[in-house]
N, C-alpha and C. Protein backbone atom coordinates (compact mmCIF):
# COMPACT_ATOMS: atom_id res chain seq x y z
N MET A 1 0.78 -1.51 0.17
CA MET A 1 0.10 -0.73 -0.22
C MET A 1 0.73 1.21 -0.37
N ARG A 2 0.58 2.48 -0.98
CA ARG A 2 1.05 3.40 -0.68
C ARG A 2 1.26 4.36 0.37
N GLN A 3 2.32 5.34 0.17
CA GLN A 3 2.20 5.95 1.61
C GLN A 3 1.49 7.07 1.22
N ARG A 4 0.55 7.92 2.51
CA ARG A 4 -0.85 8.66 1.84
C ARG A 4 0.18 9.43 1.46
N TYR A 5 1.18 10.06 1.28
CA TYR A 5 1.95 12.02 0.57
C TYR A 5 2.55 11.58 0.14
N GLU A 6 2.63 9.81 -0.60
CA GLU A 6 3.62 9.19 -1.81
C GLU A 6 3.63 10.22 -2.84
N ARG A 7 4.47 10.60 -3.64
CA ARG A 7 3.89 10.93 -5.15
C ARG A 7 3.40 9.39 -6.02
N LEU A 8 2.87 9.91 -6.44
CA LEU A 8 2.32 8.35 -7.56
C LEU A 8 3.72 8.26 -8.90
N THR A 9 3.91 7.60 -9.38
CA THR A 9 5.33 7.76 -10.32
C THR A 9 4.38 6.62 -10.80
N THR A 10 3.16 5.88 -11.36
CA THR A 10 2.97 5.20 -12.35
C THR A 10 1.37 5.12 -12.38
N PRO A 11 0.98 5.04 -13.24
CA PRO A 11 -0.86 5.53 -13.00
C PRO A 11 -1.26 3.89 -12.37
N LEU A 12 -2.86 4.55 -11.68
CA LEU A 12 -3.45 3.03 -10.88
C LEU A 12 -4.36 3.00 -11.60
N VAL A 13 -4.77 1.98 -11.51
CA VAL A 13 -6.12 1.30 -12.13
C VAL A 13 -6.55 0.58 -11.26
N ARG A 14 -8.81 0.37 -10.91
CA ARG A 14 -8.93 -0.14 -10.04
C ARG A 14 -9.70 -1.30 -10.41
N ASP A 15 -8.84 -2.72 -9.61
CA ASP A 15 -9.74 -4.21 -9.44
C ASP A 15 -10.48 -4.42 -8.49
N GLY A 16 -12.15 -4.30 -9.06
CA GLY A 16 -13.19 -3.94 -8.02
C GLY A 16 -13.00 -2.58 -6.70
N ALA A 17 -12.30 -3.37 -5.80
CA ALA A 17 -11.90 -2.60 -4.70
C ALA A 17 -10.75 -1.98 -4.34
N ALA A 18 -10.33 -2.13 -4.64
CA ALA A 18 -8.42 -2.17 -4.97
C ALA A 18 -8.05 -1.52 -5.67
N LEU A 19 -7.17 -1.17 -5.43
CA LEU A 19 -6.03 0.14 -6.38
C LEU A 19 -4.71 -0.84 -6.81
N ARG A 20 -4.26 -0.56 -8.06
CA ARG A 20 -3.15 -1.63 -8.49
C ARG A 20 -2.45 -0.43 -9.38
N ASP A 21 -1.39 -0.70 -9.35
CA ASP A 21 -0.29 -0.47 -9.83
C ASP A 21 -0.59 -0.50 -11.57
N ALA A 22 -0.43 0.19 -12.38
CA ALA A 22 -0.56 -0.57 -14.06
C ALA A 22 -0.24 0.06 -15.50
N THR A 23 0.52 0.07 -16.34
CA THR A 23 1.30 0.20 -17.39
C THR A 23 1.11 1.59 -18.03
N TRP A 24 1.02 2.42 -18.38
CA TRP A 24 -0.28 3.69 -19.28
C TRP A 24 -0.76 3.16 -20.54
N ASP A 25 -0.31 2.75 -21.16
CA ASP A 25 -1.07 1.74 -22.04
C ASP A 25 -1.80 1.47 -21.61
N GLU A 26 -2.13 0.73 -20.34
CA GLU A 26 -3.63 0.03 -19.75
C GLU A 26 -4.57 1.31 -19.37
N ALA A 27 -3.49 1.63 -18.27
CA ALA A 27 -4.23 2.95 -18.04
C ALA A 27 -5.32 3.96 -18.73
N LEU A 28 -4.65 4.09 -19.70
CA LEU A 28 -5.38 4.86 -20.94
C LEU A 28 -6.23 4.30 -21.91
N GLU A 29 -5.83 3.12 -21.98
CA GLU A 29 -7.00 2.11 -22.61
C GLU A 29 -8.43 2.51 -22.08
N ARG A 30 -7.98 2.17 -20.26
CA ARG A 30 -9.80 2.23 -20.22
C ARG A 30 -9.81 3.35 -19.53
N ALA A 31 -9.05 3.96 -19.56
CA ALA A 31 -9.47 5.97 -19.69
C ALA A 31 -11.08 6.00 -21.09
N ALA A 32 -10.13 5.77 -22.36
CA ALA A 32 -10.86 5.34 -22.79
C ALA A 32 -11.89 4.41 -23.50
N THR A 33 -11.55 4.20 -23.34
CA THR A 33 -12.66 3.61 -22.53
C THR A 33 -13.82 3.47 -21.99
N GLY A 34 -13.98 4.00 -21.05
CA GLY A 34 -14.95 4.58 -19.88
C GLY A 34 -15.40 6.08 -20.31
N LEU A 35 -14.90 6.35 -21.30
CA LEU A 35 -15.15 7.80 -22.38
C LEU A 35 -15.75 7.44 -23.44
N ARG A 36 -15.83 5.95 -24.03
CA ARG A 36 -16.02 5.66 -24.98
C ARG A 36 -17.48 5.14 -24.46
N ALA A 37 -17.69 4.79 -23.47
CA ALA A 37 -18.70 3.82 -23.36
C ALA A 37 -20.08 5.12 -22.38
N ALA A 38 -19.74 6.87 -22.36
CA ALA A 38 -19.82 7.69 -21.50
C ALA A 38 -20.87 8.06 -22.90
N ARG A 39 -20.20 8.36 -23.84
CA ARG A 39 -20.35 8.68 -25.39
C ARG A 39 -21.63 8.20 -25.80
N ALA A 40 -21.71 6.92 -25.96
CA ALA A 40 -22.71 5.82 -26.05
C ALA A 40 -23.83 6.23 -26.00
N LYS A 41 -24.05 6.74 -24.47
CA LYS A 41 -25.08 6.44 -23.67
C LYS A 41 -25.94 7.98 -23.92
N GLY A 42 -24.97 8.70 -25.04
CA GLY A 42 -25.91 10.00 -24.92
C GLY A 42 -25.69 11.39 -24.49
N PRO A 43 -25.65 12.06 -25.16
CA PRO A 43 -25.57 13.88 -24.44
C PRO A 43 -25.21 13.71 -23.27
N GLN A 44 -26.31 13.53 -22.46
CA GLN A 44 -26.85 13.58 -21.13
C GLN A 44 -26.26 13.00 -19.92
N ALA A 45 -25.53 12.11 -20.90
CA ALA A 45 -24.26 10.74 -19.99
C ALA A 45 -22.84 11.78 -19.34
N PHE A 46 -22.81 12.83 -19.85
CA PHE A 46 -21.65 13.41 -19.54
C PHE A 46 -21.78 14.53 -19.75
N GLY A 47 -20.66 15.53 -18.85
CA GLY A 47 -20.78 16.53 -18.69
C GLY A 47 -18.91 17.41 -18.60
N VAL A 48 -18.63 18.80 -18.23
CA VAL A 48 -17.19 18.86 -18.27
C VAL A 48 -18.06 20.01 -16.99
N PHE A 49 -17.38 20.41 -15.91
CA PHE A 49 -17.01 21.55 -15.02
C PHE A 49 -15.93 22.44 -14.87
N SER A 50 -15.57 24.11 -15.22
CA SER A 50 -13.92 24.61 -15.33
C SER A 50 -14.29 24.95 -14.47
N CYS A 51 -12.99 25.35 -13.97
CA CYS A 51 -12.55 27.08 -13.09
C CYS A 51 -11.61 27.31 -13.55
N SER A 52 -11.93 29.05 -12.42
CA SER A 52 -11.82 30.01 -12.43
C SER A 52 -10.49 30.23 -12.67
N LYS A 53 -9.65 29.24 -12.25
CA LYS A 53 -7.84 29.13 -11.71
C LYS A 53 -7.97 28.75 -12.99
N ALA A 54 -8.11 27.99 -13.96
CA ALA A 54 -7.58 27.80 -14.87
C ALA A 54 -7.58 28.78 -15.91
N THR A 55 -6.17 28.38 -16.71
CA THR A 55 -6.70 29.51 -18.47
C THR A 55 -7.19 29.57 -18.95
N ASN A 56 -7.92 30.87 -19.56
CA ASN A 56 -8.64 30.38 -20.94
C ASN A 56 -8.81 30.01 -21.92
N GLU A 57 -7.21 29.26 -21.76
CA GLU A 57 -6.75 28.05 -22.99
C GLU A 57 -7.26 27.12 -22.60
N VAL A 58 -7.50 26.49 -21.70
CA VAL A 58 -7.66 25.47 -20.69
C VAL A 58 -8.84 24.30 -20.82
N ASN A 59 -10.17 26.18 -20.27
CA ASN A 59 -11.07 25.89 -20.27
C ASN A 59 -11.52 26.32 -21.81
N PHE A 60 -11.18 26.69 -22.73
CA PHE A 60 -11.54 26.43 -23.88
C PHE A 60 -11.40 25.02 -24.19
N LEU A 61 -9.87 24.57 -24.76
CA LEU A 61 -9.95 23.33 -24.84
C LEU A 61 -10.71 22.19 -23.85
N ALA A 62 -11.03 21.63 -23.15
CA ALA A 62 -12.47 21.94 -22.23
C ALA A 62 -14.04 21.13 -22.96
N SER A 63 -13.80 23.25 -22.79
CA SER A 63 -15.85 23.01 -23.67
C SER A 63 -15.21 22.83 -25.56
N ARG A 64 -14.14 22.53 -25.98
CA ARG A 64 -14.24 21.56 -27.41
C ARG A 64 -13.74 20.27 -27.21
N PHE A 65 -13.67 19.98 -26.49
CA PHE A 65 -13.72 17.94 -26.45
C PHE A 65 -14.35 18.12 -25.68
N ALA A 66 -15.57 18.73 -24.67
CA ALA A 66 -17.33 17.77 -24.35
C ALA A 66 -18.08 18.48 -26.01
N ARG A 67 -17.88 19.89 -26.18
CA ARG A 67 -19.03 19.33 -27.53
C ARG A 67 -18.50 18.74 -28.72
N GLU A 68 -17.38 18.17 -28.87
CA GLU A 68 -16.15 17.87 -30.21
C GLU A 68 -16.47 16.64 -30.11
N VAL A 69 -15.81 16.22 -28.74
CA VAL A 69 -15.65 14.69 -28.89
C VAL A 69 -16.41 14.12 -28.16
N MET A 70 -16.83 14.72 -26.83
CA MET A 70 -17.99 13.55 -26.26
C MET A 70 -19.85 13.82 -26.95
N GLY A 71 -19.46 15.01 -27.70
CA GLY A 71 -20.98 15.24 -28.28
C GLY A 71 -22.08 16.25 -27.08
N THR A 72 -21.40 16.45 -26.67
CA THR A 72 -22.55 17.20 -25.53
C THR A 72 -22.11 18.53 -24.86
N ASN A 73 -23.58 19.37 -24.31
CA ASN A 73 -22.98 20.77 -24.49
C ASN A 73 -23.21 20.63 -22.48
N ASN A 74 -22.93 20.01 -22.25
CA ASN A 74 -23.06 19.90 -21.22
C ASN A 74 -21.86 20.35 -20.45
N ILE A 75 -21.82 21.88 -19.83
CA ILE A 75 -20.13 22.44 -19.51
C ILE A 75 -20.77 23.52 -18.92
N ASP A 76 -20.19 23.86 -17.81
CA ASP A 76 -20.13 24.90 -16.97
C ASP A 76 -19.31 25.44 -16.15
N SER A 77 -19.60 26.33 -15.27
CA SER A 77 -18.10 27.45 -14.92
C SER A 77 -18.45 28.13 -13.92
N CYS A 78 -17.16 27.46 -13.06
CA CYS A 78 -16.98 28.62 -11.83
C CYS A 78 -16.59 29.85 -12.26
N ASN A 79 -17.41 30.41 -13.33
CA ASN A 79 -16.57 31.86 -13.95
C ASN A 79 -18.21 32.42 -14.30
N ARG A 80 -19.19 31.78 -14.11
CA ARG A 80 -20.22 32.82 -14.43
C ARG A 80 -21.06 33.12 -13.76
N THR A 81 -20.25 33.08 -12.22
CA THR A 81 -21.46 33.44 -10.59
C THR A 81 -20.70 34.48 -10.15
């Protein structure tokens, strides 16, 4: 088990209730699989919330990802408050 304050040096994936070390290829494939599954459920299954502390460029990329890759307009930001 990892120390609470130890820096992660490899990705972790969940197997049941436990986390285990994984290769970058496995972790990226699992992330892609999860995003594909969310996209397949339709535009209401995914959303993005961005932060005012992020740069305009990061918020712009997050909105483009949500709209063009995930096919949703579910985008919100704390900038509007």
